[in-house]
PDB file of N, CA and C in Angstrom:
ATOM      1  N   MET A   1       0.615  -1.243  -0.148  1.00  0.00           N
ATOM      2  CA  MET A   1      -0.143  -0.121   0.066  1.00  0.00           C
ATOM      3  C   MET A   1       0.917   0.982  -0.063  1.00  0.00           C
ATOM      4  N   SER A   2       0.224   2.568  -0.721  1.00  0.00           N
ATOM      5  CA  SER A   2       1.542   3.387  -1.130  1.00  0.00           C
ATOM      6  C   SER A   2       0.669   4.575  -0.004  1.00  0.00           C
ATOM      7  N   THR A   3       1.216   5.357   0.503  1.00  0.00           N
ATOM      8  CA  THR A   3       0.927   6.649   1.373  1.00  0.00           C
ATOM      9  C   THR A   3       0.460   7.745   0.277  1.00  0.00           C
ATOM     10  N   PRO A   4      -0.573   7.947   0.546  1.00  0.00           N
ATOM     11  CA  PRO A   4      -1.074   9.623   0.124  1.00  0.00           C
ATOM     12  C   PRO A   4      -0.076  10.237  -0.271  1.00  0.00           C
ATOM     13  N   LYS A   5      -0.038  11.012  -1.349  1.00  0.00           N
ATOM     14  CA  LYS A   5       0.919  12.007  -1.875  1.00  0.00           C
ATOM     15  C   LYS A   5       0.524  13.287  -0.629  1.00  0.00           C
ATOM     16  N   GLY A   6       1.685  13.838  -0.328  1.00  0.00           N
ATOM     17  CA  GLY A   6       1.823  14.599   0.479  1.00  0.00           C
ATOM     18  C   GLY A   6       1.382  14.237   2.029  1.00  0.00           C
ATOM     19  N   MET A   7       1.288  13.219   2.247  1.00  0.00           N
ATOM     20  CA  MET A   7       1.292  12.985   3.676  1.00  0.00           C
ATOM     21  C   MET A   7       2.343  11.892   4.351  1.00  0.00           C
ATOM     22  N   THR A   8       2.651  11.873   5.530  1.00  0.00           N
ATOM     23  CA  THR A   8       3.531  11.041   6.279  1.00  0.00           C
ATOM     24  C   THR A   8       2.426  10.102   6.993  1.00  0.00           C
ATOM     25  N   CYS A   9       3.143   8.806   6.799  1.00  0.00           N
ATOM     26  CA  CYS A   9       2.468   7.878   7.502  1.00  0.00           C
ATOM     27  C   CYS A   9       3.363   6.952   8.774  1.00  0.00           C
ATOM     28  N   ARG A  10       2.643   6.794   9.833  1.00  0.00           N
ATOM     29  CA  ARG A  10       3.219   6.121  10.819  1.00  0.00           C
ATOM     30  C   ARG A  10       2.522   4.491  10.736  1.00  0.00           C
ATOM     31  N   ASN A  11       3.373   3.570  10.888  1.00  0.00           N
ATOM     32  CA  ASN A  11       2.545   2.595  10.924  1.00  0.00           C
ATOM     33  C   ASN A  11       3.211   1.324  12.468  1.00  0.00           C
ATOM     34  N   PHE A  12       1.820   1.009  12.944  1.00  0.00           N
ATOM     35  CA  PHE A  12       1.756  -0.003  14.080  1.00  0.00           C
ATOM     36  C   PHE A  12       1.279  -1.157  13.713  1.00  0.00           C
ATOM     37  N   THR A  13       2.412  -2.078  13.881  1.00  0.00           N
ATOM     38  CA  THR A  13       1.723  -3.334  13.807  1.00  0.00           C
ATOM     39  C   THR A  13       1.889  -4.250  15.127  1.00  0.00           C
ATOM     40  N   LEU A  14       0.641  -4.693  15.546  1.00  0.00           N
ATOM     41  CA  LEU A  14       0.086  -4.898  16.556  1.00  0.00           C
ATOM     42  C   LEU A  14       0.703  -6.622  16.817  1.00  0.00           C
ATOM     43  N   ALA A  15       0.544  -6.985  17.937  1.00  0.00           N
ATOM     44  CA  ALA A  15       1.078  -8.452  18.228  1.00  0.00           C
ATOM     45  C   ALA A  15       0.089  -9.370  17.786  1.00  0.00           C
ATOM     46  N   CYS A  16      -0.863  -8.890  17.232  1.00  0.00           N
ATOM     47  CA  CYS A  16      -1.736 -10.013  16.516  1.00  0.00           C
ATOM     48  C   CYS A  16      -1.679  -9.830  14.645  1.00  0.00           C
ATOM     49  N   ARG A  17      -0.634  -9.212  14.802  1.00  0.00           N
ATOM     50  CA  ARG A  17      -0.690  -8.813  13.062  1.00  0.00           C
ATOM     51  C   ARG A  17      -1.526  -8.020  12.408  1.00  0.00           C
ATOM     52  N   ASP A  18      -2.417  -7.420  13.031  1.00  0.00           N
ATOM     53  CA  ASP A  18      -3.425  -6.499  12.625  1.00  0.00           C
ATOM     54  C   ASP A  18      -2.483  -4.984  12.469  1.00  0.00           C
ATOM     55  N   GLN A  19      -3.068  -3.828  11.783  1.00  0.00           N
ATOM     56  CA  GLN A  19      -2.256  -2.792  11.996  1.00  0.00           C
ATOM     57  C   GLN A  19      -3.048  -1.559  12.108  1.00  0.00           C
ATOM     58  N   ILE A  20      -2.300  -0.709  12.543  1.00  0.00           N
ATOM     59  CA  ILE A  20      -2.692   0.876  12.952  1.00  0.00           C
ATOM     60  C   ILE A  20      -2.047   1.501  12.091  1.00  0.00           C
ATOM     61  N   LEU A  21      -2.712   2.598  11.015  1.00  0.00           N
ATOM     62  CA  LEU A  21      -1.883   3.406  10.126  1.00  0.00           C
ATOM     63  C   LEU A  21      -2.363   4.762  10.579  1.00  0.00           C
ATOM     64  N   LEU A  22      -1.489   5.618  10.839  1.00  0.00           N
ATOM     65  CA  LEU A  22      -1.544   6.972  10.995  1.00  0.00           C
ATOM     66  C   LEU A  22      -0.976   7.889   9.679  1.00  0.00           C
ATOM     67  N   TYR A  23      -2.106   8.673   9.112  1.00  0.00           N
ATOM     68  CA  TYR A  23      -1.583   9.535   7.835  1.00  0.00           C
ATOM     69  C   TYR A  23      -1.878  10.898   8.455  1.00  0.00           C
ATOM     70  N   HIS A  24      -0.957  11.650   8.452  1.00  0.00           N
ATOM     71  CA  HIS A  24      -1.205  13.023   8.399  1.00  0.00           C
ATOM     72  C   HIS A  24      -0.394  14.203   7.652  1.00  0.00           C
ATOM     73  N   ASN A  25      -1.082  15.295   7.708  1.00  0.00           N
ATOM     74  CA  ASN A  25      -0.177  16.479   6.865  1.00  0.00           C
ATOM     75  C   ASN A  25      -0.618  17.379   7.504  1.00  0.00           C
ATOM     76  N   ALA A  26      -0.489  18.765   7.046  1.00  0.00           N
ATOM     77  CA  ALA A  26      -1.014  19.891   7.893  1.00  0.00           C
ATOM     78  C   ALA A  26      -2.481  19.887   8.142  1.00  0.00           C
ATOM     79  N   GLU A  27      -3.155  19.806   7.201  1.00  0.00           N
ATOM     80  CA  GLU A  27      -4.852  19.509   7.208  1.00  0.00           C
ATOM     81  C   GLU A  27      -5.636  18.339   7.620  1.00  0.00           C
ATOM     82  N   HIS A  28      -5.179  17.343   7.774  1.00  0.00           N
ATOM     83  CA  HIS A  28      -5.443  16.030   7.680  1.00  0.00           C
ATOM     84  C   HIS A  28      -5.010  14.868   9.050  1.00  0.00           C
ATOM     85  N   ILE A  29      -5.353  14.406   9.765  1.00  0.00           N
ATOM     86  CA  ILE A  29      -5.423  13.366  10.576  1.00  0.00           C
ATOM     87  C   ILE A  29      -6.077  12.099  10.254  1.00  0.00           C
ATOM     88  N   ILE A  30      -5.407  11.078   9.780  1.00  0.00           N
ATOM     89  CA  ILE A  30      -6.169   9.736   9.370  1.00  0.00           C
ATOM     90  C   ILE A  30      -5.692   8.601  10.272  1.00  0.00           C
ATOM     91  N   MET A  31      -6.972   7.909  10.517  1.00  0.00           N
ATOM     92  CA  MET A  31      -6.113   6.558  11.414  1.00  0.00           C
ATOM     93  C   MET A  31      -7.017   5.677  10.422  1.00  0.00           C
ATOM     94  N   GLN A  32      -6.229   4.948  10.079  1.00  0.00           N
ATOM     95  CA  GLN A  32      -6.775   3.529   9.406  1.00  0.00           C
ATOM     96  C   GLN A  32      -6.337   2.447  10.112  1.00  0.00           C
ATOM     97  N   LEU A  33      -7.266   1.423  10.372  1.00  0.00           N
ATOM     98  CA  LEU A  33      -7.174  -0.192  10.877  1.00  0.00           C
ATOM     99  C   LEU A  33      -7.132  -0.858  10.033  1.00  0.00           C
ATOM    100  N   ARG A  34      -6.145  -1.617   9.797  1.00  0.00           N
ATOM    101  CA  ARG A  34      -6.246  -3.182   8.994  1.00  0.00           C
ATOM    102  C   ARG A  34      -6.551  -4.260   9.729  1.00  0.00           C
ATOM    103  N   HIS A  35      -7.567  -5.170   9.316  1.00  0.00           N
ATOM    104  CA  HIS A  35      -7.007  -6.627   9.565  1.00  0.00           C
ATOM    105  C   HIS A  35      -7.095  -7.576   8.823  1.00  0.00           C
ATOM    106  N   GLN A  36      -6.325  -8.466   8.584  1.00  0.00           N
ATOM    107  CA  GLN A  36      -5.747  -9.144   7.018  1.00  0.00           C
ATOM    108  C   GLN A  36      -6.123 -11.092   7.824  1.00  0.00           C
ATOM    109  N   VAL A  37      -6.849 -11.569   7.088  1.00  0.00           N
ATOM    110  CA  VAL A  37      -6.730 -12.883   7.474  1.00  0.00           C
ATOM    111  C   VAL A  37      -6.655 -13.869   5.952  1.00  0.00           C
ATOM    112  N   PRO A  38      -5.867 -14.607   5.589  1.00  0.00           N
ATOM    113  CA  PRO A  38      -5.746 -15.652   4.752  1.00  0.00           C
ATOM    114  C   PRO A  38      -6.841 -16.482   4.717  1.00  0.00           C
ATOM    115  N   THR A  39      -7.281 -16.486   3.679  1.00  0.00           N
ATOM    116  CA  THR A  39      -8.458 -17.356   3.031  1.00  0.00           C
ATOM    117  C   THR A  39      -8.299 -18.982   3.966  1.00  0.00           C
ATOM    118  N   GLU A  40      -6.913 -18.951   3.321  1.00  0.00           N
ATOM    119  CA  GLU A  40      -6.841 -20.563   3.875  1.00  0.00           C
ATOM    120  C   GLU A  40      -6.719 -20.762   5.616  1.00  0.00           C
ATOM    121  N   GLU A  41      -6.248 -19.497   6.435  1.00  0.00           N
ATOM    122  CA  GLU A  41      -6.548 -19.661   7.601  1.00  0.00           C
ATOM    123  C   GLU A  41      -7.664 -19.798   8.005  1.00  0.00           C
ATOM    124  N   ASN A  42      -8.735 -18.663   7.545  1.00  0.00           N
ATOM    125  CA  ASN A  42      -9.945 -18.791   8.266  1.00  0.00           C
ATOM    126  C   ASN A  42     -11.091 -18.183   7.476  1.00  0.00           C
ATOM    127  N   ILE A  43     -11.570 -18.857   6.781  1.00  0.00           N
ATOM    128  CA  ILE A  43     -12.336 -18.499   5.488  1.00  0.00           C
ATOM    129  C   ILE A  43     -13.463 -17.692   6.084  1.00  0.00           C
ATOM    130  N   LEU A  44     -14.280 -17.817   7.532  1.00  0.00           N
ATOM    131  CA  LEU A  44     -15.247 -17.193   8.010  1.00  0.00           C
ATOM    132  C   LEU A  44     -14.752 -15.857   8.483  1.00  0.00           C
ATOM    133  N   ASN A  45     -13.567 -15.431   8.613  1.00  0.00           N
ATOM    134  CA  ASN A  45     -13.168 -14.469   9.625  1.00  0.00           C
ATOM    135  C   ASN A  45     -12.448 -13.597   8.338  1.00  0.00           C
ATOM    136  N   PRO A  46     -13.717 -12.312   8.268  1.00  0.00           N
ATOM    137  CA  PRO A  46     -13.582 -11.179   7.169  1.00  0.00           C
ATOM    138  C   PRO A  46     -12.113 -10.316   7.237  1.00  0.00           C
ATOM    139  N   SER A  47     -11.201 -10.152   6.155  1.00  0.00           N
ATOM    140  CA  SER A  47     -10.572  -8.745   6.435  1.00  0.00           C
ATOM    141  C   SER A  47     -11.193  -7.790   6.269  1.00  0.00           C
ATOM    142  N   PHE A  48     -10.484  -6.643   6.568  1.00  0.00           N
ATOM    143  CA  PHE A  48     -11.251  -5.251   6.409  1.00  0.00           C
ATOM    144  C   PHE A  48     -10.183  -4.364   6.598  1.00  0.00           C
ATOM    145  N   LYS A  49     -10.420  -3.363   6.094  1.00  0.00           N
ATOM    146  CA  LYS A  49      -9.713  -1.755   6.084  1.00  0.00           C
ATOM    147  C   LYS A  49     -10.394  -0.742   6.317  1.00  0.00           C
ATOM    148  N   VAL A  50     -10.580  -0.016   7.453  1.00  0.00           N
ATOM    149  CA  VAL A  50     -11.248   1.117   7.340  1.00  0.00           C
ATOM    150  C   VAL A  50     -10.777   2.429   7.894  1.00  0.00           C
ATOM    151  N   ALA A  51     -11.081   3.555   7.482  1.00  0.00           N
ATOM    152  CA  ALA A  51     -10.250   4.596   7.965  1.00  0.00           C
ATOM    153  C   ALA A  51     -10.969   5.930   8.374  1.00  0.00           C
ATOM    154  N   VAL A  52     -10.901   6.564   9.483  1.00  0.00           N
ATOM    155  CA  VAL A  52     -11.514   7.960   9.947  1.00  0.00           C
ATOM    156  C   VAL A  52     -10.284   8.696   9.681  1.00  0.00           C
ATOM    157  N   GLU A  53     -11.036  10.171   9.589  1.00  0.00           N
ATOM    158  CA  GLU A  53     -10.267  11.487   9.749  1.00  0.00           C
ATOM    159  C   GLU A  53     -10.712  12.020  11.173  1.00  0.00           C
ATOM    160  N   LEU A  54      -9.873  12.389  12.041  1.00  0.00           N
ATOM    161  CA  LEU A  54      -9.617  13.076  13.073  1.00  0.00           C
ATOM    162  C   LEU A  54      -9.546  14.277  13.341  1.00  0.00           C
ATOM    163  N   SER A  55     -10.146  15.361  13.947  1.00  0.00           N
ATOM    164  CA  SER A  55      -9.722  16.462  14.357  1.00  0.00           C
ATOM    165  C   SER A  55      -8.441  16.520  15.403  1.00  0.00           C
ATOM    166  N   PRO A  56      -7.787  17.686  15.154  1.00  0.00           N
ATOM    167  CA  PRO A  56      -7.122  17.802  16.408  1.00  0.00           C
ATOM    168  C   PRO A  56      -7.551  17.366  17.783  1.00  0.00           C
ATOM    169  N   ILE A  57      -8.590  17.813  18.030  1.00  0.00           N
ATOM    170  CA  ILE A  57      -9.042  17.643  19.625  1.00  0.00           C
ATOM    171  C   ILE A  57      -9.077  15.900  19.533  1.00  0.00           C
ATOM    172  N   GLU A  58     -10.050  15.443  18.510  1.00  0.00           N
ATOM    173  CA  GLU A  58     -10.316  13.970  18.583  1.00  0.00           C
ATOM    174  C   GLU A  58      -9.101  13.214  18.815  1.00  0.00           C
ATOM    175  N   ALA A  59      -7.739  13.816  18.119  1.00  0.00           N
ATOM    176  CA  ALA A  59      -6.709  12.974  18.113  1.00  0.00           C
ATOM    177  C   ALA A  59      -6.008  13.014  19.555  1.00  0.00           C
ATOM    178  N   ILE A  60      -6.139  14.384  20.019  1.00  0.00           N
ATOM    179  CA  ILE A  60      -5.414  14.534  21.406  1.00  0.00           C
ATOM    180  C   ILE A  60      -6.593  13.766  22.402  1.00  0.00           C
ATOM    181  N   ALA A  61      -8.002  13.772  22.257  1.00  0.00           N
ATOM    182  CA  ALA A  61      -8.648  13.263  23.259  1.00  0.00           C
ATOM    183  C   ALA A  61      -8.575  11.422  23.353  1.00  0.00           C
ATOM    184  N   LEU A  62      -8.469  10.892  22.048  1.00  0.00           N
ATOM    185  CA  LEU A  62      -8.222   9.461  21.764  1.00  0.00           C
ATOM    186  C   LEU A  62      -6.746   9.426  22.446  1.00  0.00           C
ATOM    187  N   ALA A  63      -5.737  10.009  22.330  1.00  0.00           N
ATOM    188  CA  ALA A  63      -4.320   9.606  22.932  1.00  0.00           C
ATOM    189  C   ALA A  63      -4.479   9.780  24.396  1.00  0.00           C
ATOM    190  N   SER A  64      -5.556  10.562  24.720  1.00  0.00           N
ATOM    191  CA  SER A  64      -5.222  11.041  26.257  1.00  0.00           C
ATOM    192  C   SER A  64      -6.200   9.787  26.802  1.00  0.00           C
ATOM    193  N   GLU A  65      -6.841   9.065  26.156  1.00  0.00           N
ATOM    194  CA  GLU A  65      -8.196   7.967  26.674  1.00  0.00           C
ATOM    195  C   GLU A  65      -7.029   6.594  26.489  1.00  0.00           C
ATOM    196  N   LEU A  66      -6.204   6.408  25.744  1.00  0.00           N
ATOM    197  CA  LEU A  66      -5.414   5.477  25.497  1.00  0.00           C
ATOM    198  C   LEU A  66      -4.352   5.299  26.399  1.00  0.00           C
ATOM    199  N   LEU A  67      -3.968   6.434  26.644  1.00  0.00           N
ATOM    200  CA  LEU A  67      -2.651   6.804  28.148  1.00  0.00           C
ATOM    201  C   LEU A  67      -3.362   6.354  29.748  1.00  0.00           C
ATOM    202  N   THR A  68      -4.679   6.523  29.852  1.00  0.00           N
ATOM    203  CA  THR A  68      -5.337   6.536  30.717  1.00  0.00           C
ATOM    204  C   THR A  68      -5.496   5.220  31.073  1.00  0.00           C
ATOM    205  N   ILE A  69      -5.960   4.504  30.069  1.00  0.00           N
ATOM    206  CA  ILE A  69      -6.054   3.105  30.135  1.00  0.00           C
ATOM    207  C   ILE A  69      -4.969   2.042  30.315  1.00  0.00           C
ATOM    208  N   ALA A  70      -3.918   2.762  29.509  1.00  0.00           N
ATOM    209  CA  ALA A  70      -2.690   1.757  29.299  1.00  0.00           C
ATOM    210  C   ALA A  70      -1.473   2.161  30.461  1.00  0.00           C
ATOM    211  N   ALA A  71      -1.525   3.420  31.071  1.00  0.00           N
ATOM    212  CA  ALA A  71      -0.647   3.621  32.441  1.00  0.00           C
ATOM    213  C   ALA A  71      -0.893   2.514  33.415  1.00  0.00           C
ATOM    214  N   PRO A  72      -1.818   2.479  33.877  1.00  0.00           N
ATOM    215  CA  PRO A  72      -1.642   1.621  34.826  1.00  0.00           C
ATOM    216  C   PRO A  72      -1.678  -0.035  34.913  1.00  0.00           C
ATOM    217  N   ARG A  73      -1.732  -0.308  33.544  1.00  0.00           N
ATOM    218  CA  ARG A  73      -1.428  -1.766  33.188  1.00  0.00           C
ATOM    219  C   ARG A  73      -0.089  -1.906  33.138  1.00  0.00           C
ATOM    220  N   ILE A  74       0.732  -0.892  32.560  1.00  0.00           N
ATOM    221  CA  ILE A  74       2.199  -0.576  32.281  1.00  0.00           C
ATOM    222  C   ILE A  74       2.922  -0.641  33.864  1.00  0.00           C
ATOM    223  N   LEU A  75       2.338   0.316  34.992  1.00  0.00           N
ATOM    224  CA  LEU A  75       2.790   0.222  36.098  1.00  0.00           C
ATOM    225  C   LEU A  75       2.636  -1.119  36.780  1.00  0.00           C
ATOM    226  N   ALA A  76       1.363  -1.997  36.586  1.00  0.00           N
ATOM    227  CA  ALA A  76       1.509  -3.263  36.830  1.00  0.00           C
ATOM    228  C   ALA A  76       2.173  -4.348  36.672  1.00  0.00           C
ATOM    229  N   ILE A  77       2.588  -4.016  35.112  1.00  0.00           N
ATOM    230  CA  ILE A  77       3.648  -5.122  34.461  1.00  0.00           C
ATOM    231  C   ILE A  77       4.963  -4.824  35.098  1.00  0.00           C
ATOM    232  N   SER A  78       5.285  -3.597  35.238  1.00  0.00           N
ATOM    233  CA  SER A  78       6.812  -3.133  35.737  1.00  0.00           C
ATOM    234  C   SER A  78       6.801  -3.301  37.347  1.00  0.00           C
ATOM    235  N   THR A  79       5.709  -3.515  37.977  1.00  0.00           N
ATOM    236  CA  THR A  79       5.948  -3.615  39.244  1.00  0.00           C
ATOM    237  C   THR A  79       6.266  -5.039  39.523  1.00  0.00           C
ATOM    238  N   LYS A  80       5.349  -6.128  38.595  1.00  0.00           N
ATOM    239  CA  LYS A  80       5.692  -7.622  38.911  1.00  0.00           C
ATOM    240  C   LYS A  80       6.950  -7.673  38.120  1.00  0.00           C
ATOM    241  N   THR A  81       7.727  -7.402  37.297  1.00  0.00           N
ATOM    242  CA  THR A  81       9.059  -7.285  36.892  1.00  0.00           C
ATOM    243  C   THR A  81       9.947  -6.966  37.706  1.00  0.00           C
ATOM    244  N   VAL A  82       9.743  -6.219  38.387  1.00  0.00           N
ATOM    245  CA  VAL A  82      10.674  -5.451  39.707  1.00  0.00           C
ATOM    246  C   VAL A  82      10.739  -6.953  40.288  1.00  0.00           C
ATOM    247  N   ALA A  83       9.648  -7.087  41.019  1.00  0.00           N
ATOM    248  CA  ALA A  83       9.563  -8.195  42.089  1.00  0.00           C
ATOM    249  C   ALA A  83      10.111  -9.590  41.730  1.00  0.00           C
ATOM    250  N   VAL A  84       9.887 -10.070  40.426  1.00  0.00           N
ATOM    251  CA  VAL A  84      10.624 -11.071  39.967  1.00  0.00           C
ATOM    252  C   VAL A  84      11.988 -11.006  40.038  1.00  0.00           C
ATOM    253  N   GLU A  85      12.417  -9.867  39.501  1.00  0.00           N
ATOM    254  CA  GLU A  85      13.880  -9.486  39.384  1.00  0.00           C
ATOM    255  C   GLU A  85      14.495  -9.437  41.119  1.00  0.00           C
ATOM    256  N   LEU A  86      13.993  -8.943  41.930  1.00  0.00           N
ATOM    257  CA  LEU A  86      14.195  -8.752  43.102  1.00  0.00           C
ATOM    258  C   LEU A  86      14.179 -10.315  43.838  1.00  0.00           C
ATOM    259  N   ASN A  87      13.001 -10.826  43.439  1.00  0.00           N
ATOM    260  CA  ASN A  87      12.949 -12.468  44.174  1.00  0.00           C
ATOM    261  C   ASN A  87      14.467 -13.263  43.616  1.00  0.00           C
ATOM    262  N   THR A  88      14.179 -12.899  42.132  1.00  0.00           N
ATOM    263  CA  THR A  88      15.651 -13.775  41.599  1.00  0.00           C
ATOM    264  C   THR A  88      17.016 -13.452  42.266  1.00  0.00           C
ATOM    265  N   ALA A  89      17.064 -12.472  42.586  1.00  0.00           N
ATOM    266  CA  ALA A  89      18.306 -11.696  43.188  1.00  0.00           C
ATOM    267  C   ALA A  89      18.522 -12.223  44.702  1.00  0.00           C
ATOM    268  N   ARG A  90      17.317 -12.398  45.009  1.00  0.00           N
ATOM    269  CA  ARG A  90      17.423 -12.827  46.735  1.00  0.00           C
ATOM    270  C   ARG A  90      17.779 -14.191  46.497  1.00  0.00           C
ATOM    271  N   ARG A  91      17.383 -15.453  45.485  1.00  0.00           N
ATOM    272  CA  ARG A  91      17.559 -16.708  45.430  1.00  0.00           C
ATOM    273  C   ARG A  91      19.078 -16.640  44.932  1.00  0.00           C
ATOM    274  N   ALA A  92      19.470 -16.031  44.246  1.00  0.00           N
ATOM    275  CA  ALA A  92      21.037 -15.793  43.556  1.00  0.00           C
ATOM    276  C   ALA A  92      21.744 -15.529  44.580  1.00  0.00           C
ATOM    277  N   ASP A  93      21.720 -14.492  45.907  1.00  0.00           N
ATOM    278  CA  ASP A  93      22.619 -14.246  46.953  1.00  0.00           C
ATOM    279  C   ASP A  93      22.416 -15.417  48.097  1.00  0.00           C
ATOM    280  N   ALA A  94      21.362 -16.099  48.112  1.00  0.00           N
ATOM    281  CA  ALA A  94      21.241 -17.137  48.913  1.00  0.00           C
ATOM    282  C   ALA A  94      21.945 -18.110  48.471  1.00  0.00           C
ATOM    283  N   LEU A  95      22.129 -18.570  47.315  1.00  0.00           N
ATOM    284  CA  LEU A  95      22.793 -19.792  46.461  1.00  0.00           C
ATOM    285  C   LEU A  95      24.401 -19.285  46.778  1.00  0.00           C
ATOM    286  N   GLU A  96      24.454 -17.871  47.100  1.00  0.00           N
ATOM    287  CA  GLU A  96      26.128 -17.913  47.082  1.00  0.00           C
ATOM    288  C   GLU A  96      26.657 -17.443  48.288  1.00  0.00           C
ATOM    289  N   ALA A  97      25.697 -17.411  49.300  1.00  0.00           N
ATOM    290  CA  ALA A  97      25.890 -17.100  50.813  1.00  0.00           C
ATOM    291  C   ALA A  97      26.923 -18.394  51.476  1.00  0.00           C
ATOM    292  N   PRO A  98      28.048 -18.331  52.249  1.00  0.00           N
ATOM    293  CA  PRO A  98      28.651 -19.592  52.759  1.00  0.00           C
ATOM    294  C   PRO A  98      27.645 -20.676  53.442  1.00  0.00           C
TER     295      PRO A  98
END
């Protein structure tokens, strides 16, 4: 797929292989969602591509909502990671103690 003339594209490929593409220039902000499923993998699950144009206020509101939703989850993941790392370090210290 090519980027529309005069626009910049930022492509986010998600873990599930779907894509979110953000196209923008001085006048427009467009968000496109793509879900592609090969027919041989699942004939009943349709592929699709849909785009919406966002005003700057809508783009900021969407970004704000995503940050509000994601931040506590990132904090929880980071807390679990630190706890695992601390626990692993304690076990390593215990193994090294005479």
